[in-house]
Structures are given as C-alpha cells and as structure tokens.
Amino acid sequence: MNPKNIALRSIWKKFTLLTYLAFVAAMFPAAGEGPPLNGDLEKAKVVSQTFEKWVDAYAAGDLKGVMSIFDPDVQFSFQGAPDQHYKDLENSYAQDFRSRAPGTKWVPNLQEIYADGGLAFVRSIWELRIPKDGNTEVKARNRSMDVLRTDKNGRWLIFRSINYPEKSPTKSGPS
C-alpha cells in the first residue's frame, strides 16, 4: 500500500475517533457542570437558576431572597419534625441568620431537575457547611425532593418539600 494512503487512513481513523468522543462527551456533562436536566430543558434550566439564586441569598443572609423560592402555600416536611409552612420557614431562617457563624452555607448537590408544563421537581443532597479552625465542618447532610409550580407571574416556587437527614462526615478540607 502507498505510504501516502497509509498516512491518510491513519489521519481519518483519528478524526473519526475524535469526532465520536466529542459527540459522546457532548451527551454527558462532566462532573461539576450541573445537574441532569429533564423534561422541558429550558424550564429545567430556569428551575436550576432559581436554586442558584436561593443559595446566593442564603449565603448573603438575605431573608427576602431566601423566602422568594417558597410558595405562600408551601408545606415543608422534615423527617421526625412537624410540617412547616411559609411563616414557620420565615421565622426559622430569620433565627438562623441571627445566630449562625459567618461563612455558614448550604451547598447543594442537585441530582436531577425535571420540569414540564407548570410543574417541576428537584432531587438533591444538601450539606450545611460551617467554617471551623480553618477547615469546613459538615454539620448536616440532608436529602430532599422539592416540588415546584409556577405562579401567575411565571416564577418557579416550592410548594412541597420532603427532607430527611443523612449521616454526615465531620470534616472536609479547607473551604
């Protein structure tokens, strides 16, 4: 076989392999690129952005921003505790903001976001991280399933939330 043809075949094989790998990589987001979005992808992205805004509001101690994700008719259930409603949550966050250590934050690991029509759900694992002696201590690790609906203005709001604790490690590396 002609050496020129051998070289072209080799280049073509590499090109085909790289094209295939690029296609496969595009289908599966790398770790840290966000949660799997399902259903209506545009709506699922908006739901994801809603959670990002909540995380930022919590970190800033912005009570109004934190409460903006909750429907006025929210029912928040945490294993072993009485259900909470909007006013209960607002009082709880207000107390938390008055007493928490600076740098305290909730860090989500959003497992799945599904949105279609006017309903969405988010499966996630949340870690409450507290700075301690130059490290970050995980004080709580909770699993949650949040169900959202759109209000008359098109905002995604949590109207049902089911949560339960996981055993948490005591420390992670520097934050």
Protein backbone atom coordinates (compact mmCIF):
# COMPACT_ATOMS: atom_id res chain seq x y z
CA MET A 1 0.00 0.00 0.00
CA ASN A 2 1.14 3.51 -0.81
CA PRO A 3 2.68 5.34 2.24
CA LYS A 4 0.55 8.40 1.43
CA ASN A 5 -2.65 6.28 1.63
CA ILE A 6 -1.50 4.74 4.91
CA ALA A 7 -0.97 8.21 6.40
CA LEU A 8 -4.40 9.39 5.18
CA ARG A 9 -6.09 6.30 6.64
CA SER A 10 -4.39 6.91 9.97
CA ILE A 11 -5.50 10.55 10.00
CA TRP A 12 -9.05 9.56 9.02
CA LYS A 13 -9.23 6.96 11.84
CA LYS A 14 -8.03 9.54 14.39
CA PHE A 15 -10.52 12.11 13.08
CA THR A 16 -13.37 9.59 13.29
CA LEU A 17 -12.40 8.61 16.84
CA LEU A 18 -12.13 12.25 17.98
CA THR A 19 -15.48 13.09 16.39
CA TYR A 20 -17.10 10.14 18.16
CA LEU A 21 -15.55 11.11 21.52
CA ALA A 22 -16.67 14.72 21.11
CA PHE A 23 -20.21 13.53 20.37
CA VAL A 24 -20.27 11.26 23.42
CA ALA A 25 -18.79 14.00 25.64
CA ALA A 26 -21.49 16.42 24.50
CA MET A 27 -24.19 13.95 25.54
CA PHE A 28 -22.92 13.59 29.12
CA PRO A 29 -21.98 16.68 31.12
CA ALA A 30 -18.74 16.45 33.08
CA ALA A 31 -18.84 16.46 36.86
CA GLY A 32 -19.42 19.93 38.22
CA GLU A 33 -21.25 21.14 35.11
CA GLY A 34 -24.64 20.99 36.74
CA PRO A 35 -27.39 18.51 37.38
CA PRO A 36 -29.10 16.38 34.76
CA LEU A 37 -31.95 18.39 33.26
CA ASN A 38 -35.02 16.52 32.03
CA GLY A 39 -38.40 17.28 30.51
CA ASP A 40 -38.61 20.78 29.07
CA LEU A 41 -34.91 21.70 29.18
CA GLU A 42 -35.46 25.46 29.07
CA LYS A 43 -37.83 25.29 32.03
CA ALA A 44 -35.47 22.93 33.89
CA LYS A 45 -32.64 25.49 33.41
CA VAL A 46 -34.81 28.21 34.93
CA VAL A 47 -35.55 25.93 37.91
CA SER A 48 -31.80 25.33 38.33
CA GLN A 49 -31.17 29.10 38.24
CA THR A 50 -33.89 29.57 40.88
CA PHE A 51 -31.96 27.25 43.21
CA GLU A 52 -28.70 29.09 42.47
CA LYS A 53 -30.35 32.37 43.50
CA TRP A 54 -31.56 30.74 46.72
CA VAL A 55 -28.03 29.55 47.57
CA ASP A 56 -26.67 33.07 46.98
CA ALA A 57 -29.44 34.63 49.08
CA TYR A 58 -28.77 32.21 51.95
CA ALA A 59 -25.02 32.93 51.86
CA ALA A 60 -25.78 36.67 51.98
CA GLY A 61 -28.27 36.31 54.84
CA ASP A 62 -30.97 37.77 52.59
CA LEU A 63 -34.23 36.67 54.19
CA LYS A 64 -36.43 38.11 51.44
CA GLY A 65 -34.29 36.38 48.77
CA VAL A 66 -34.38 33.07 50.66
CA MET A 67 -38.14 33.18 51.04
CA SER A 68 -38.68 34.11 47.38
CA ILE A 69 -38.36 30.43 46.36
CA PHE A 70 -41.29 29.35 48.54
CA ASP A 71 -44.94 29.37 47.53
CA PRO A 72 -47.20 31.03 50.13
CA ASP A 73 -48.90 27.61 50.50
CA VAL A 74 -45.64 25.66 50.97
CA GLN A 75 -45.65 22.52 53.06
CA PHE A 76 -42.11 21.66 54.21
CA SER A 77 -41.69 18.19 55.73
CA PHE A 78 -38.56 17.08 57.56
CA GLN A 79 -38.36 13.55 58.94
CA GLY A 80 -39.27 13.50 62.63
CA ALA A 81 -40.40 17.13 62.82
CA PRO A 82 -43.81 18.78 62.45
CA ASP A 83 -44.54 20.12 58.98
CA GLN A 84 -43.65 23.76 58.44
CA HIS A 85 -45.43 26.36 56.38
CA TYR A 86 -44.35 29.70 54.94
CA LYS A 87 -44.39 31.70 58.18
CA ASP A 88 -42.65 28.87 60.08
CA LEU A 89 -39.88 28.77 57.48
CA GLU A 90 -39.52 32.54 57.51
CA ASN A 91 -39.18 32.57 61.33
CA SER A 92 -36.70 29.69 61.20
CA TYR A 93 -34.47 31.38 58.61
CA ALA A 94 -34.64 34.71 60.46
CA GLN A 95 -33.46 32.96 63.65
CA ASP A 96 -30.75 31.13 61.70
CA PHE A 97 -29.42 34.37 60.22
CA ARG A 98 -29.24 35.98 63.69
CA SER A 99 -27.33 33.10 65.26
CA ARG A 100 -25.21 31.37 62.61
CA ALA A 101 -21.44 31.61 62.30
CA PRO A 102 -20.11 33.84 59.50
CA GLY A 103 -19.35 31.80 56.38
CA THR A 104 -22.07 29.22 57.08
CA LYS A 105 -23.58 27.99 53.84
CA TRP A 106 -25.83 25.34 52.37
CA VAL A 107 -24.13 23.58 49.45
CA PRO A 108 -26.41 21.67 47.08
CA ASN A 109 -25.65 18.63 45.01
CA LEU A 110 -28.59 18.76 42.63
CA GLN A 111 -29.16 15.17 41.49
CA GLU A 112 -31.97 15.73 39.00
CA ILE A 113 -34.19 18.51 37.76
CA TYR A 114 -37.35 17.77 35.80
CA ALA A 115 -39.75 20.42 34.52
CA ASP A 116 -42.75 20.19 32.23
CA GLY A 117 -45.76 22.43 31.93
CA GLY A 118 -46.23 24.26 35.21
CA LEU A 119 -44.68 21.60 37.47
CA ALA A 120 -41.09 20.64 38.30
CA PHE A 121 -39.22 18.54 40.82
CA VAL A 122 -35.67 18.69 42.11
CA ARG A 123 -33.91 15.77 43.82
CA SER A 124 -30.89 16.93 45.78
CA ILE A 125 -28.46 16.40 48.63
CA TRP A 126 -27.71 19.47 50.75
CA GLU A 127 -24.75 19.95 53.07
CA LEU A 128 -24.70 22.60 55.78
CA ARG A 129 -21.07 23.69 55.95
CA ILE A 130 -19.68 25.69 58.85
CA PRO A 131 -16.17 27.16 58.99
CA LYS A 132 -14.18 25.79 61.91
CA ASP A 133 -10.45 26.15 62.67
CA GLY A 134 -9.50 26.87 59.04
CA ASN A 135 -11.49 23.90 57.77
CA THR A 136 -15.10 23.33 56.89
CA GLU A 137 -17.24 21.12 59.07
CA VAL A 138 -20.31 19.48 57.56
CA LYS A 139 -22.92 19.98 60.27
CA ALA A 140 -25.83 18.38 58.39
CA ARG A 141 -26.37 16.42 55.20
CA ASN A 142 -29.97 16.15 54.01
CA ARG A 143 -31.68 14.59 51.03
CA SER A 144 -34.61 16.46 49.58
CA MET A 145 -37.32 16.28 46.98
CA ASP A 146 -38.76 19.68 46.14
CA VAL A 147 -41.87 20.06 44.01
CA LEU A 148 -42.30 23.43 42.31
CA ARG A 149 -45.06 25.09 40.36
CA THR A 150 -45.25 28.35 38.51
CA ASP A 151 -47.17 31.25 39.94
CA LYS A 152 -49.26 33.72 37.92
CA ASN A 153 -46.05 35.64 37.08
CA GLY A 154 -44.25 32.53 35.78
CA ARG A 155 -41.89 32.21 38.78
CA TRP A 156 -40.98 28.71 39.96
CA LEU A 157 -41.93 28.26 43.63
CA ILE A 158 -41.54 25.31 46.00
CA PHE A 159 -44.95 24.24 47.26
CA ARG A 160 -43.94 20.82 48.65
CA SER A 161 -40.61 19.80 50.11
CA ILE A 162 -39.76 16.41 51.62
CA ASN A 163 -36.46 16.15 53.50
CA TYR A 164 -34.60 13.63 55.60
CA PRO A 165 -31.12 13.54 57.15
CA GLU A 166 -28.15 11.51 56.05
CA LYS A 167 -25.25 10.77 58.33
CA SER A 168 -22.68 13.47 57.63
CA PRO A 169 -18.91 13.32 57.76
CA THR A 170 -17.46 15.57 60.46
CA LYS A 171 -14.88 17.47 58.40
CA SER A 172 -13.83 18.23 54.88
CA GLY A 173 -10.82 20.14 53.61
CA PRO A 174 -10.32 23.88 53.62
CA SER A 175 -13.22 25.81 52.15
